[in-house]
Protein backbone atom coordinates (compact mmCIF):
# COMPACT_ATOMS: atom_id res chain seq x y z
CA MET A 1 8.90 -21.02 12.13
CA TYR A 2 12.50 -20.01 12.57
CA GLU A 3 15.19 -19.09 10.05
CA GLU A 4 18.93 -19.30 10.46
CA TYR A 5 19.14 -15.51 10.26
CA SER A 6 16.65 -14.93 13.10
CA LYS A 7 15.85 -16.71 16.34
CA GLN A 8 12.47 -15.03 16.52
CA ALA A 9 9.27 -16.85 15.60
CA LEU A 10 8.18 -15.94 12.07
CA PRO A 11 5.12 -16.51 9.91
CA SER A 12 5.33 -19.13 7.16
CA LYS A 13 7.47 -18.52 4.09
CA LYS A 14 4.33 -18.13 1.94
CA TYR A 15 2.88 -15.52 4.31
CA ARG A 16 6.16 -13.60 4.36
CA GLU A 17 6.34 -13.77 0.56
CA LEU A 18 2.83 -12.32 0.28
CA LEU A 19 3.67 -9.67 2.85
CA GLY A 20 6.81 -8.67 0.93
CA THR A 21 4.93 -8.66 -2.36
CA ALA A 22 2.18 -6.51 -0.85
CA LEU A 23 4.68 -3.90 0.29
CA CYS A 24 6.57 -3.97 -3.02
CA VAL A 25 3.50 -3.48 -5.22
CA PHE A 26 2.30 -0.65 -3.00
CA ASN A 27 5.71 1.05 -3.15
CA SER A 28 5.74 0.64 -6.91
CA ASN A 29 2.36 2.36 -7.17
CA ASN A 30 3.46 5.09 -4.79
CA SER A 31 6.33 5.87 -7.19
CA PHE A 32 4.01 5.57 -10.20
CA ILE A 33 1.62 8.07 -8.58
CA ILE A 34 4.52 10.51 -8.17
CA GLU A 35 5.58 9.97 -11.79
CA ASN A 36 2.06 10.81 -12.96
CA ILE A 37 1.80 13.88 -10.72
CA LEU A 38 5.06 15.19 -12.20
CA ARG A 39 3.92 14.36 -15.72
CA VAL A 40 0.96 16.70 -15.19
CA ASP A 41 2.73 19.43 -13.21
CA ASN A 42 6.47 19.56 -12.67
CA GLU A 43 6.38 23.30 -12.09
CA HIS A 44 4.67 23.18 -8.70
CA TYR A 45 5.86 19.72 -7.70
CA ASN A 46 9.22 18.01 -7.69
CA TRP A 47 10.31 14.45 -7.07
CA PHE A 48 12.39 15.23 -3.97
CA ASP A 49 9.48 16.84 -2.12
CA LEU A 50 6.93 14.24 -3.23
CA ILE A 51 9.08 11.22 -2.37
CA ASP A 52 9.58 12.62 1.14
CA LYS A 53 5.83 12.82 1.78
CA THR A 54 4.02 10.01 3.50
CA SER A 55 1.71 8.28 1.03
CA GLY A 56 -1.41 9.75 2.61
CA ASN A 57 -0.02 13.22 2.15
CA LEU A 58 0.14 12.69 -1.62
CA LEU A 59 -3.65 12.82 -1.88
CA SER A 60 -3.89 16.59 -2.30
CA ALA A 61 -1.27 16.50 -5.07
CA ILE A 62 -3.18 13.64 -6.74
CA ASP A 63 -6.40 15.66 -6.60
CA GLU A 64 -4.72 18.82 -7.93
CA THR A 65 -3.18 16.97 -10.87
CA ILE A 66 -4.53 13.55 -11.86
CA THR A 67 -8.08 14.12 -10.61
CA ASN A 68 -8.17 17.59 -12.11
CA VAL A 69 -7.06 16.34 -15.54
CA THR A 70 -9.36 13.31 -15.60
CA GLN A 71 -12.29 15.04 -13.89
CA ASN A 72 -12.60 11.74 -12.07
CA ASN A 73 -11.43 10.86 -8.54
CA LYS A 74 -11.20 7.11 -9.14
CA ILE A 75 -7.39 6.99 -8.82
CA SER A 76 -7.44 9.18 -5.71
CA ILE A 77 -10.08 7.01 -4.02
CA MET A 78 -8.29 3.77 -4.93
CA PHE A 79 -4.94 5.06 -3.70
CA ASN A 80 -6.48 6.34 -0.45
CA GLU A 81 -8.03 2.92 0.24
CA LEU A 82 -4.69 1.24 -0.44
CA VAL A 83 -2.87 3.69 1.83
CA ASN A 84 -5.28 2.82 4.63
CA THR A 85 -4.77 -0.92 4.15
CA ARG A 86 -1.00 -0.50 3.86
CA ASN A 87 -1.04 1.46 7.12
CA ARG A 88 -2.88 -1.39 8.84
CA ILE A 89 -0.24 -3.83 7.55
CA VAL A 90 2.74 -1.67 8.51
CA HIS A 91 1.34 -0.75 11.92
CA SER A 92 0.34 -4.30 12.76
CA PHE A 93 1.49 -6.57 15.55
CA GLN A 94 2.46 -10.22 15.43
CA ILE A 95 0.28 -12.85 17.06
CA THR A 96 0.19 -16.59 17.47
CA ASP A 97 -3.17 -17.95 16.34
CA GLU A 98 -5.05 -20.84 17.92
CA TYR A 99 -3.17 -23.29 15.66
CA GLY A 100 0.26 -22.00 16.71
CA ASN A 101 0.82 -20.05 13.47
CA GLN A 102 2.49 -16.67 13.48
CA LEU A 103 0.69 -13.91 11.59
CA LEU A 104 -0.05 -10.22 11.82
CA ALA A 105 -3.08 -8.57 13.34
CA THR A 106 -4.06 -4.93 13.45
CA LYS A 107 -6.30 -2.53 15.30
CA GLU A 108 -8.16 0.28 13.60
CA LYS A 109 -8.63 3.62 15.35
CA ASN A 110 -12.26 2.70 16.05
CA GLY A 111 -11.02 -0.29 18.08
CA ASN A 112 -11.88 -2.93 15.47
CA GLN A 113 -9.22 -5.64 15.54
CA TYR A 114 -8.64 -8.23 12.85
CA ARG A 115 -6.04 -10.62 11.51
CA ILE A 116 -4.15 -9.82 8.36
CA THR A 117 -4.81 -13.08 6.58
CA GLU A 118 -3.32 -14.39 3.35
CA GLU A 119 -6.66 -13.50 1.73
CA ILE A 120 -6.32 -9.87 2.81
CA LEU A 121 -2.78 -9.78 1.42
CA PHE A 122 -3.92 -11.34 -1.89
CA GLU A 123 -6.76 -8.80 -2.14
CA PHE A 124 -4.38 -5.93 -1.42
CA ILE A 125 -1.98 -7.15 -4.12
CA LYS A 126 -4.84 -7.46 -6.63
CA LYS A 127 -6.16 -3.96 -5.83
CA ASN A 128 -2.66 -2.59 -6.38
CA GLU A 129 -2.63 -4.30 -9.79
CA ILE A 130 -5.91 -2.58 -10.66
CA LEU A 131 -4.53 0.81 -9.57
CA SER A 132 -1.39 0.21 -11.61
CA SER A 133 -3.53 -0.48 -14.69
CA GLU A 134 -5.45 2.75 -14.09
CA LEU A 135 -2.19 4.68 -13.77
CA TYR A 136 -0.91 3.15 -17.04
CA LYS A 137 -4.14 4.19 -18.76
CA PHE A 138 -3.77 7.71 -17.39
CA ARG A 139 -0.16 7.94 -18.51
CA GLY A 140 -1.24 6.91 -21.99
C-alpha cells in the first residue's frame, strides 16, 4: 500500500492504526509509571531524570517505590514484559509476506524470528490496558 505522503510500501491502514495505538498506550503507561514513582518518592527521583531513562531502566525505580509500597512485584513484572514486547516492535524490520502484504517482523536475541501480527498488537494493547488499571488502583 502506498500513501500520497510516502512512496514506500506500507502495511495496511488497520495495521498501522494498531501499531500507532500500541506505541501510544505503552507511552501513556510509561508516563503513568513515572507519575506513580514520583507519588511515592519525589525526594530521590525527579521527572526530568526519569523521563530521560529508557523504559527498561525504570525497573529499579519501580521496584524501589511501587513494589516496595505494595510488597508485590506484579506491576514491575507486567511493565518489564511490555518493555520487552515494545522493544521487539520498535526494533523490528519490515517484510513482505507470502500474500504480498507489508508487515513487521522481529528477531529476538536468541535468534527466534517471528512476525508482529495484528493479534500480537491487539494483545499488547490489551496488556497495556491491564497495566493501566493496576496503576490506577495503586494511585488510589
